[in-house]
Amino acid sequence: MRELLTDETAVVTGGASGIGRAISLLFAEEGCDVVVADVQEEPREGDEPTHERIEAETDASAAFVECDVSRYDDHLDAMDVADEFGGVDVMVNNAGIFRAETFLDEDDEVFDRTMDVNVRGVYYGARAAANRMVEDGGDGGSIINLSSVAGLRGSADFVSYCTSKGAVRLMTYALAARLGPEGVRVNAVHPGLIETAMTTDDVPIFGTDAEDAYTQSIPSRRSGTPEDVADVALYLASDLSGYVNGESLSVDGGMANTQ
């Protein structure tokens, strides 16, 4: 085992399920204590809670904290739990929602909720973590924001979602400029078509007639897995990316740049 994150502590929003769960589990395997910050403790995959699995299968410590990312105080609660493990070193702003829409007659509540979770949640998470990372002359840290290929290009069916993820991309660049001198690196990850509950239930792609067409449009000719994204998050969290700051890394099998 490499243990690239030995003696580190990470907070992962949306860490109970999907990509956040994969990131939390991989970080723990690499020696990192993990605070799983989510609105629900039970994973959508129906398995045991992420923090319980971490403590059962690794030497890392883990805890769950209920966190609505649209509330700043909930992020502060997550930071307080991280303090019990030695303080946050890595912040993964992963929590997000994905909804189809019609735009011309869309309910404003869809737009507002998308912005609250996907944009405000990242902003609040970054601010809460950065304050802990730099206070009292801290050693800095790594903030990883989950955007999407939808943050790199537009889609007629997902105007609100593309807007929110594009905001995350530019927020990442601005945060890198602001926090880099404080020793905090900020980078964005842009997943493509990843098989999670968001793409099987919320906006069904997998298990539909459209699945094969989507897959065949990707140069790698396959969809991605949460573990594919977790591997990139590990790189950005570790010293392997010590001189990587203000970057967007696509995990999409070539989807964004070839269509």
C-alpha atoms as a PDB file:
ATOM      1  CA  MET A   1       0.000   0.000   0.000  1.00  0.00           C
ATOM      2  CA  ARG A   2       1.337   3.422  -0.962  1.00  0.00           C
ATOM      3  CA  GLU A   3      -0.447   5.362   1.783  1.00  0.00           C
ATOM      4  CA  LEU A   4      -0.143   8.637  -0.079  1.00  0.00           C
ATOM      5  CA  LEU A   5      -2.295  10.424   2.505  1.00  0.00           C
ATOM      6  CA  THR A   6      -0.843   9.127   5.769  1.00  0.00           C
ATOM      7  CA  ASP A   7      -1.626  11.414   8.734  1.00  0.00           C
ATOM      8  CA  GLU A   8      -3.992  13.522   6.609  1.00  0.00           C
ATOM      9  CA  THR A   9      -7.646  14.325   7.279  1.00  0.00           C
ATOM     10  CA  ALA A  10     -10.215  14.850   4.541  1.00  0.00           C
ATOM     11  CA  VAL A  11     -13.760  16.164   4.547  1.00  0.00           C
ATOM     12  CA  VAL A  12     -15.836  14.785   1.684  1.00  0.00           C
ATOM     13  CA  THR A  13     -19.259  16.293   1.069  1.00  0.00           C
ATOM     14  CA  GLY A  14     -21.736  13.880  -0.436  1.00  0.00           C
ATOM     15  CA  GLY A  15     -19.438  11.145   0.811  1.00  0.00           C
ATOM     16  CA  ALA A  16     -22.169   8.651   1.648  1.00  0.00           C
ATOM     17  CA  SER A  17     -22.850   7.594  -1.944  1.00  0.00           C
ATOM     18  CA  GLY A  18     -21.553   7.468  -5.488  1.00  0.00           C
ATOM     19  CA  ILE A  19     -18.390   9.346  -6.372  1.00  0.00           C
ATOM     20  CA  GLY A  20     -18.042  10.780  -2.874  1.00  0.00           C
ATOM     21  CA  ARG A  21     -18.179   7.315  -1.371  1.00  0.00           C
ATOM     22  CA  ALA A  22     -15.497   6.026  -3.759  1.00  0.00           C
ATOM     23  CA  ILE A  23     -13.274   8.987  -2.890  1.00  0.00           C
ATOM     24  CA  SER A  24     -13.770   8.479   0.836  1.00  0.00           C
ATOM     25  CA  LEU A  25     -12.945   4.774   0.653  1.00  0.00           C
ATOM     26  CA  LEU A  26      -9.838   5.284  -1.495  1.00  0.00           C
ATOM     27  CA  PHE A  27      -8.541   8.087   0.704  1.00  0.00           C
ATOM     28  CA  ALA A  28      -8.925   5.845   3.761  1.00  0.00           C
ATOM     29  CA  GLU A  29      -7.043   3.047   2.024  1.00  0.00           C
ATOM     30  CA  GLU A  30      -4.233   5.567   1.499  1.00  0.00           C
ATOM     31  CA  GLY A  31      -4.005   6.354   5.221  1.00  0.00           C
ATOM     32  CA  CYS A  32      -6.364   9.342   5.430  1.00  0.00           C
ATOM     33  CA  ASP A  33      -8.921   9.912   8.166  1.00  0.00           C
ATOM     34  CA  VAL A  34     -12.241  10.870   6.607  1.00  0.00           C
ATOM     35  CA  VAL A  35     -15.220  12.970   7.644  1.00  0.00           C
ATOM     36  CA  VAL A  36     -18.223  11.944   5.553  1.00  0.00           C
ATOM     37  CA  ALA A  37     -20.453  15.017   5.305  1.00  0.00           C
ATOM     38  CA  ASP A  38     -23.825  14.270   3.746  1.00  0.00           C
ATOM     39  CA  VAL A  39     -27.543  14.840   4.166  1.00  0.00           C
ATOM     40  CA  GLN A  40     -28.067  11.121   4.695  1.00  0.00           C
ATOM     41  CA  GLU A  41     -25.956   8.460   6.352  1.00  0.00           C
ATOM     42  CA  GLU A  42     -27.146   5.488   4.323  1.00  0.00           C
ATOM     43  CA  PRO A  43     -25.622   5.143   0.840  1.00  0.00           C
ATOM     44  CA  ARG A  44     -27.950   5.119  -2.125  1.00  0.00           C
ATOM     45  CA  GLU A  45     -26.202   1.921  -3.216  1.00  0.00           C
ATOM     46  CA  GLY A  46     -27.801   0.164  -0.232  1.00  0.00           C
ATOM     47  CA  ASP A  47     -24.509  -0.906   1.363  1.00  0.00           C
ATOM     48  CA  GLU A  48     -23.275  -0.150   4.873  1.00  0.00           C
ATOM     49  CA  PRO A  49     -22.544   3.511   5.689  1.00  0.00           C
ATOM     50  CA  THR A  50     -19.273   4.766   4.267  1.00  0.00           C
ATOM     51  CA  HIS A  51     -17.719   5.729   7.593  1.00  0.00           C
ATOM     52  CA  GLU A  52     -18.546   2.335   9.100  1.00  0.00           C
ATOM     53  CA  ARG A  53     -16.986   0.518   6.157  1.00  0.00           C
ATOM     54  CA  ILE A  54     -13.844   2.643   6.466  1.00  0.00           C
ATOM     55  CA  GLU A  55     -13.416   1.782  10.115  1.00  0.00           C
ATOM     56  CA  ALA A  56     -14.139  -1.906   9.485  1.00  0.00           C
ATOM     57  CA  GLU A  57     -11.801  -2.361   6.511  1.00  0.00           C
ATOM     58  CA  THR A  58      -8.944   0.120   6.995  1.00  0.00           C
ATOM     59  CA  ASP A  59      -6.725   1.531   9.730  1.00  0.00           C
ATOM     60  CA  ALA A  60      -8.152   5.008   9.174  1.00  0.00           C
ATOM     61  CA  SER A  61     -10.620   6.770  11.434  1.00  0.00           C
ATOM     62  CA  ALA A  62     -13.908   8.027  10.037  1.00  0.00           C
ATOM     63  CA  ALA A  63     -17.026   9.845  11.150  1.00  0.00           C
ATOM     64  CA  PHE A  64     -20.337  10.902   9.679  1.00  0.00           C
ATOM     65  CA  VAL A  65     -21.722  14.395  10.098  1.00  0.00           C
ATOM     66  CA  GLU A  66     -25.098  15.476   8.779  1.00  0.00           C
ATOM     67  CA  CYS A  67     -24.445  18.286   6.321  1.00  0.00           C
ATOM     68  CA  ASP A  68     -26.723  20.277   4.043  1.00  0.00           C
ATOM     69  CA  VAL A  69     -24.060  21.946   1.919  1.00  0.00           C
ATOM     70  CA  SER A  70     -26.276  24.961   1.277  1.00  0.00           C
ATOM     71  CA  ARG A  71     -25.910  25.862   4.983  1.00  0.00           C
ATOM     72  CA  TYR A  72     -22.576  27.343   6.038  1.00  0.00           C
ATOM     73  CA  ASP A  73     -22.979  26.292   9.658  1.00  0.00           C
ATOM     74  CA  ASP A  74     -23.195  22.665   8.569  1.00  0.00           C
ATOM     75  CA  HIS A  75     -19.777  22.989   6.938  1.00  0.00           C
ATOM     76  CA  LEU A  76     -18.420  24.433  10.173  1.00  0.00           C
ATOM     77  CA  ASP A  77     -19.773  21.388  12.004  1.00  0.00           C
ATOM     78  CA  ALA A  78     -17.865  19.152   9.568  1.00  0.00           C
ATOM     79  CA  MET A  79     -14.679  21.146  10.214  1.00  0.00           C
ATOM     80  CA  ASP A  80     -15.161  20.713  13.954  1.00  0.00           C
ATOM     81  CA  VAL A  81     -15.314  16.945  13.503  1.00  0.00           C
ATOM     82  CA  ALA A  82     -12.188  17.098  11.326  1.00  0.00           C
ATOM     83  CA  ASP A  83     -10.456  18.964  14.140  1.00  0.00           C
ATOM     84  CA  GLU A  84     -10.924  15.879  16.301  1.00  0.00           C
ATOM     85  CA  PHE A  85      -8.728  14.013  13.777  1.00  0.00           C
ATOM     86  CA  GLY A  86      -6.099  16.750  13.675  1.00  0.00           C
ATOM     87  CA  GLY A  87      -7.703  19.283  11.350  1.00  0.00           C
ATOM     88  CA  VAL A  88      -8.723  19.341   7.695  1.00  0.00           C
ATOM     89  CA  ASP A  89      -5.951  18.871   5.123  1.00  0.00           C
ATOM     90  CA  VAL A  90      -8.091  17.969   2.115  1.00  0.00           C
ATOM     91  CA  MET A  91     -11.535  19.316   1.279  1.00  0.00           C
ATOM     92  CA  VAL A  92     -13.534  17.551  -1.416  1.00  0.00           C
ATOM     93  CA  ASN A  93     -16.578  19.561  -2.476  1.00  0.00           C
ATOM     94  CA  ASN A  94     -18.358  16.671  -4.124  1.00  0.00           C
ATOM     95  CA  ALA A  95     -22.036  17.025  -3.173  1.00  0.00           C
ATOM     96  CA  GLY A  96     -24.239  17.944  -6.097  1.00  0.00           C
ATOM     97  CA  ILE A  97     -27.598  17.374  -7.756  1.00  0.00           C
ATOM     98  CA  PHE A  98     -28.453  16.617 -11.377  1.00  0.00           C
ATOM     99  CA  ARG A  99     -31.892  17.279 -12.857  1.00  0.00           C
ATOM    100  CA  ALA A 100     -33.305  17.393 -16.362  1.00  0.00           C
ATOM    101  CA  GLU A 101     -35.246  20.527 -17.254  1.00  0.00           C
ATOM    102  CA  THR A 102     -37.294  22.201 -19.966  1.00  0.00           C
ATOM    103  CA  PHE A 103     -35.937  25.774 -19.464  1.00  0.00           C
ATOM    104  CA  LEU A 104     -38.690  27.749 -21.228  1.00  0.00           C
ATOM    105  CA  ASP A 105     -41.295  26.835 -18.631  1.00  0.00           C
ATOM    106  CA  GLU A 106     -39.021  25.661 -15.832  1.00  0.00           C
ATOM    107  CA  ASP A 107     -39.988  26.102 -12.188  1.00  0.00           C
ATOM    108  CA  ASP A 108     -37.620  28.561 -10.497  1.00  0.00           C
ATOM    109  CA  GLU A 109     -37.292  26.167  -7.584  1.00  0.00           C
ATOM    110  CA  VAL A 110     -35.271  23.794  -9.777  1.00  0.00           C
ATOM    111  CA  PHE A 111     -32.810  26.544 -10.664  1.00  0.00           C
ATOM    112  CA  ASP A 112     -32.595  27.835  -7.097  1.00  0.00           C
ATOM    113  CA  ARG A 113     -31.983  24.394  -5.595  1.00  0.00           C
ATOM    114  CA  THR A 114     -29.367  23.560  -8.229  1.00  0.00           C
ATOM    115  CA  MET A 115     -27.477  26.756  -7.456  1.00  0.00           C
ATOM    116  CA  ASP A 116     -27.834  26.260  -3.694  1.00  0.00           C
ATOM    117  CA  VAL A 117     -26.285  22.795  -3.759  1.00  0.00           C
ATOM    118  CA  ASN A 118     -23.898  22.895  -6.717  1.00  0.00           C
ATOM    119  CA  VAL A 119     -22.565  26.444  -6.352  1.00  0.00           C
ATOM    120  CA  ARG A 120     -23.283  27.742  -2.873  1.00  0.00           C
ATOM    121  CA  GLY A 121     -22.301  24.351  -1.446  1.00  0.00           C
ATOM    122  CA  VAL A 122     -18.865  24.499  -3.091  1.00  0.00           C
ATOM    123  CA  TYR A 123     -18.366  28.150  -2.100  1.00  0.00           C
ATOM    124  CA  TYR A 124     -19.268  27.488   1.528  1.00  0.00           C
ATOM    125  CA  GLY A 125     -17.218  24.290   1.681  1.00  0.00           C
ATOM    126  CA  ALA A 126     -14.147  25.975   0.269  1.00  0.00           C
ATOM    127  CA  ARG A 127     -14.486  28.946   2.599  1.00  0.00           C
ATOM    128  CA  ALA A 128     -14.969  26.843   5.721  1.00  0.00           C
ATOM    129  CA  ALA A 129     -12.028  24.585   4.865  1.00  0.00           C
ATOM    130  CA  ALA A 130      -9.716  27.397   3.780  1.00  0.00           C
ATOM    131  CA  ASN A 131     -10.236  29.258   7.031  1.00  0.00           C
ATOM    132  CA  ARG A 132      -9.122  26.181   8.980  1.00  0.00           C
ATOM    133  CA  MET A 133      -6.237  25.449   6.609  1.00  0.00           C
ATOM    134  CA  VAL A 134      -4.680  28.894   6.921  1.00  0.00           C
ATOM    135  CA  GLU A 135      -5.507  29.847  10.494  1.00  0.00           C
ATOM    136  CA  ASP A 136      -2.642  30.097  12.971  1.00  0.00           C
ATOM    137  CA  GLY A 137      -0.076  29.775  10.178  1.00  0.00           C
ATOM    138  CA  GLY A 138      -1.290  26.361   9.090  1.00  0.00           C
ATOM    139  CA  ASP A 139       0.441  24.184   6.495  1.00  0.00           C
ATOM    140  CA  GLY A 140      -2.182  24.839   3.851  1.00  0.00           C
ATOM    141  CA  GLY A 141      -3.947  22.020   2.069  1.00  0.00           C
ATOM    142  CA  SER A 142      -5.802  20.884  -1.032  1.00  0.00           C
ATOM    143  CA  ILE A 143      -9.347  21.786  -2.057  1.00  0.00           C
ATOM    144  CA  ILE A 144     -10.916  19.656  -4.791  1.00  0.00           C
ATOM    145  CA  ASN A 145     -14.118  20.842  -6.426  1.00  0.00           C
ATOM    146  CA  LEU A 146     -16.262  18.416  -8.398  1.00  0.00           C
ATOM    147  CA  SER A 147     -17.495  20.098 -11.556  1.00  0.00           C
ATOM    148  CA  SER A 148     -18.522  18.130 -14.664  1.00  0.00           C
ATOM    149  CA  VAL A 149     -18.038  17.987 -18.411  1.00  0.00           C
ATOM    150  CA  ALA A 150     -21.193  20.105 -18.230  1.00  0.00           C
ATOM    151  CA  GLY A 151     -18.974  22.795 -16.769  1.00  0.00           C
ATOM    152  CA  LEU A 152     -16.903  22.773 -19.956  1.00  0.00           C
ATOM    153  CA  ARG A 153     -19.618  22.841 -22.604  1.00  0.00           C
ATOM    154  CA  GLY A 154     -23.337  23.504 -22.921  1.00  0.00           C
ATOM    155  CA  SER A 155     -26.225  21.075 -23.162  1.00  0.00           C
ATOM    156  CA  ALA A 156     -29.743  21.939 -24.320  1.00  0.00           C
ATOM    157  CA  ASP A 157     -31.325  19.635 -21.747  1.00  0.00           C
ATOM    158  CA  PHE A 158     -29.390  20.794 -18.689  1.00  0.00           C
ATOM    159  CA  VAL A 159     -29.150  24.594 -18.737  1.00  0.00           C
ATOM    160  CA  SER A 160     -29.245  25.039 -14.953  1.00  0.00           C
ATOM    161  CA  TYR A 161     -26.823  22.193 -14.350  1.00  0.00           C
ATOM    162  CA  CYS A 162     -24.327  23.488 -16.931  1.00  0.00           C
ATOM    163  CA  THR A 163     -24.609  26.955 -15.411  1.00  0.00           C
ATOM    164  CA  SER A 164     -23.864  25.617 -11.946  1.00  0.00           C
ATOM    165  CA  LYS A 165     -20.906  23.499 -13.015  1.00  0.00           C
ATOM    166  CA  GLY A 166     -19.439  26.274 -15.138  1.00  0.00           C
ATOM    167  CA  ALA A 167     -19.597  28.448 -12.030  1.00  0.00           C
ATOM    168  CA  VAL A 168     -17.675  25.798 -10.097  1.00  0.00           C
ATOM    169  CA  ARG A 169     -14.947  25.782 -12.745  1.00  0.00           C
ATOM    170  CA  LEU A 170     -14.410  29.545 -12.661  1.00  0.00           C
ATOM    171  CA  MET A 171     -14.769  29.636  -8.885  1.00  0.00           C
ATOM    172  CA  THR A 172     -11.937  27.105  -8.732  1.00  0.00           C
ATOM    173  CA  TYR A 173      -9.642  29.359 -10.751  1.00  0.00           C
ATOM    174  CA  ALA A 174     -10.481  32.380  -8.598  1.00  0.00           C
ATOM    175  CA  LEU A 175      -9.945  30.418  -5.390  1.00  0.00           C
ATOM    176  CA  ALA A 176      -6.590  29.140  -6.630  1.00  0.00           C
ATOM    177  CA  ALA A 177      -5.514  32.745  -7.212  1.00  0.00           C
ATOM    178  CA  ARG A 178      -6.781  33.838  -3.810  1.00  0.00           C
ATOM    179  CA  LEU A 179      -5.568  30.900  -1.723  1.00  0.00           C
ATOM    180  CA  GLY A 180      -2.380  29.857  -3.515  1.00  0.00           C
ATOM    181  CA  PRO A 181      -0.266  32.396  -1.595  1.00  0.00           C
ATOM    182  CA  GLU A 182      -1.684  30.877   1.608  1.00  0.00           C
ATOM    183  CA  GLY A 183      -0.403  27.437   0.654  1.00  0.00           C
ATOM    184  CA  VAL A 184      -3.799  26.063  -0.375  1.00  0.00           C
ATOM    185  CA  ARG A 185      -4.122  24.433  -3.803  1.00  0.00           C
ATOM    186  CA  VAL A 186      -7.557  24.469  -5.474  1.00  0.00           C
ATOM    187  CA  ASN A 187      -8.387  22.288  -8.473  1.00  0.00           C
ATOM    188  CA  ALA A 188     -11.486  21.070 -10.290  1.00  0.00           C
ATOM    189  CA  VAL A 189     -12.405  17.603 -11.526  1.00  0.00           C
ATOM    190  CA  HIS A 190     -14.788  17.234 -14.472  1.00  0.00           C
ATOM    191  CA  PRO A 191     -16.375  13.776 -14.598  1.00  0.00           C
ATOM    192  CA  GLY A 192     -18.090  12.635 -17.763  1.00  0.00           C
ATOM    193  CA  LEU A 193     -20.662   9.846 -17.961  1.00  0.00           C
ATOM    194  CA  ILE A 194     -20.267   8.043 -14.620  1.00  0.00           C
ATOM    195  CA  GLU A 195     -22.580   5.262 -13.485  1.00  0.00           C
ATOM    196  CA  THR A 196     -24.073   6.393 -10.168  1.00  0.00           C
ATOM    197  CA  ALA A 197     -27.590   6.832  -8.793  1.00  0.00           C
ATOM    198  CA  MET A 198     -27.632  10.239 -10.482  1.00  0.00           C
ATOM    199  CA  THR A 199     -27.436   8.607 -13.924  1.00  0.00           C
ATOM    200  CA  THR A 200     -29.514   5.534 -13.149  1.00  0.00           C
ATOM    201  CA  ASP A 201     -32.309   7.162 -11.119  1.00  0.00           C
ATOM    202  CA  ASP A 202     -32.247  10.981 -11.088  1.00  0.00           C
ATOM    203  CA  VAL A 203     -31.662  11.420 -14.827  1.00  0.00           C
ATOM    204  CA  PRO A 204     -31.822   7.841 -16.169  1.00  0.00           C
ATOM    205  CA  ILE A 205     -29.229   7.098 -18.807  1.00  0.00           C
ATOM    206  CA  PHE A 206     -28.021   3.685 -17.751  1.00  0.00           C
ATOM    207  CA  GLY A 207     -30.591   0.983 -18.311  1.00  0.00           C
ATOM    208  CA  THR A 208     -32.285   2.914 -21.122  1.00  0.00           C
ATOM    209  CA  ASP A 209     -32.170   2.715 -24.912  1.00  0.00           C
ATOM    210  CA  ALA A 210     -29.883   5.753 -24.912  1.00  0.00           C
ATOM    211  CA  GLU A 211     -27.125   4.083 -22.893  1.00  0.00           C
ATOM    212  CA  ASP A 212     -25.340   2.459 -25.830  1.00  0.00           C
ATOM    213  CA  ALA A 213     -25.471   5.631 -27.934  1.00  0.00           C
ATOM    214  CA  TYR A 214     -23.923   7.634 -25.097  1.00  0.00           C
ATOM    215  CA  THR A 215     -21.199   5.058 -24.591  1.00  0.00           C
ATOM    216  CA  GLN A 216     -20.365   4.799 -28.279  1.00  0.00           C
ATOM    217  CA  SER A 217     -19.965   8.575 -28.464  1.00  0.00           C
ATOM    218  CA  ILE A 218     -17.094   8.425 -25.957  1.00  0.00           C
ATOM    219  CA  PRO A 219     -13.638   7.829 -27.499  1.00  0.00           C
ATOM    220  CA  SER A 220     -12.771   5.303 -24.782  1.00  0.00           C
ATOM    221  CA  ARG A 221     -16.005   3.468 -25.663  1.00  0.00           C
ATOM    222  CA  ARG A 222     -17.047   2.988 -22.077  1.00  0.00           C
ATOM    223  CA  SER A 223     -18.694   4.903 -19.287  1.00  0.00           C
ATOM    224  CA  GLY A 224     -16.763   5.789 -16.174  1.00  0.00           C
ATOM    225  CA  THR A 225     -16.934   4.481 -12.643  1.00  0.00           C
ATOM    226  CA  PRO A 226     -16.809   6.364  -9.341  1.00  0.00           C
ATOM    227  CA  GLU A 227     -13.399   4.758  -8.824  1.00  0.00           C
ATOM    228  CA  ASP A 228     -12.100   6.415 -11.998  1.00  0.00           C
ATOM    229  CA  VAL A 229     -12.901   9.794 -10.471  1.00  0.00           C
ATOM    230  CA  ALA A 230     -11.557   8.806  -7.053  1.00  0.00           C
ATOM    231  CA  ASP A 231      -8.157   8.020  -8.564  1.00  0.00           C
ATOM    232  CA  VAL A 232      -7.883  11.566  -9.920  1.00  0.00           C
ATOM    233  CA  ALA A 233      -9.056  13.045  -6.616  1.00  0.00           C
ATOM    234  CA  LEU A 234      -6.322  11.059  -4.852  1.00  0.00           C
ATOM    235  CA  TYR A 235      -3.720  12.553  -7.172  1.00  0.00           C
ATOM    236  CA  LEU A 236      -4.946  16.077  -6.458  1.00  0.00           C
ATOM    237  CA  ALA A 237      -5.079  15.437  -2.718  1.00  0.00           C
ATOM    238  CA  SER A 238      -1.560  14.036  -2.498  1.00  0.00           C
ATOM    239  CA  ASP A 239       1.933  15.485  -2.827  1.00  0.00           C
ATOM    240  CA  LEU A 240       2.102  13.963  -6.318  1.00  0.00           C
ATOM    241  CA  SER A 241       0.280  17.094  -7.483  1.00  0.00           C
ATOM    242  CA  GLY A 242       2.186  19.514  -5.270  1.00  0.00           C
ATOM    243  CA  TYR A 243       2.723  21.974  -8.150  1.00  0.00           C
ATOM    244  CA  VAL A 244      -0.749  21.579  -9.666  1.00  0.00           C
ATOM    245  CA  ASN A 245      -3.011  24.519  -8.850  1.00  0.00           C
ATOM    246  CA  GLY A 246      -5.963  26.167 -10.566  1.00  0.00           C
ATOM    247  CA  GLU A 247      -6.409  23.255 -12.982  1.00  0.00           C
ATOM    248  CA  SER A 248      -9.369  21.430 -14.500  1.00  0.00           C
ATOM    249  CA  LEU A 249      -8.862  17.685 -14.935  1.00  0.00           C
ATOM    250  CA  SER A 250     -11.410  15.872 -17.094  1.00  0.00           C
ATOM    251  CA  VAL A 251     -12.275  12.267 -16.252  1.00  0.00           C
ATOM    252  CA  ASP A 252     -14.478  11.549 -19.230  1.00  0.00           C
ATOM    253  CA  GLY A 253     -12.810   9.108 -21.604  1.00  0.00           C
ATOM    254  CA  GLY A 254     -12.212  11.940 -24.063  1.00  0.00           C
ATOM    255  CA  MET A 255     -15.844  13.032 -24.190  1.00  0.00           C
ATOM    256  CA  ALA A 256     -15.550  16.818 -23.733  1.00  0.00           C
ATOM    257  CA  ASN A 257     -12.823  17.520 -26.264  1.00  0.00           C
ATOM    258  CA  THR A 258     -13.924  15.292 -29.129  1.00  0.00           C
ATOM    259  CA  GLN A 259     -17.628  16.010 -29.601  1.00  0.00           C
END
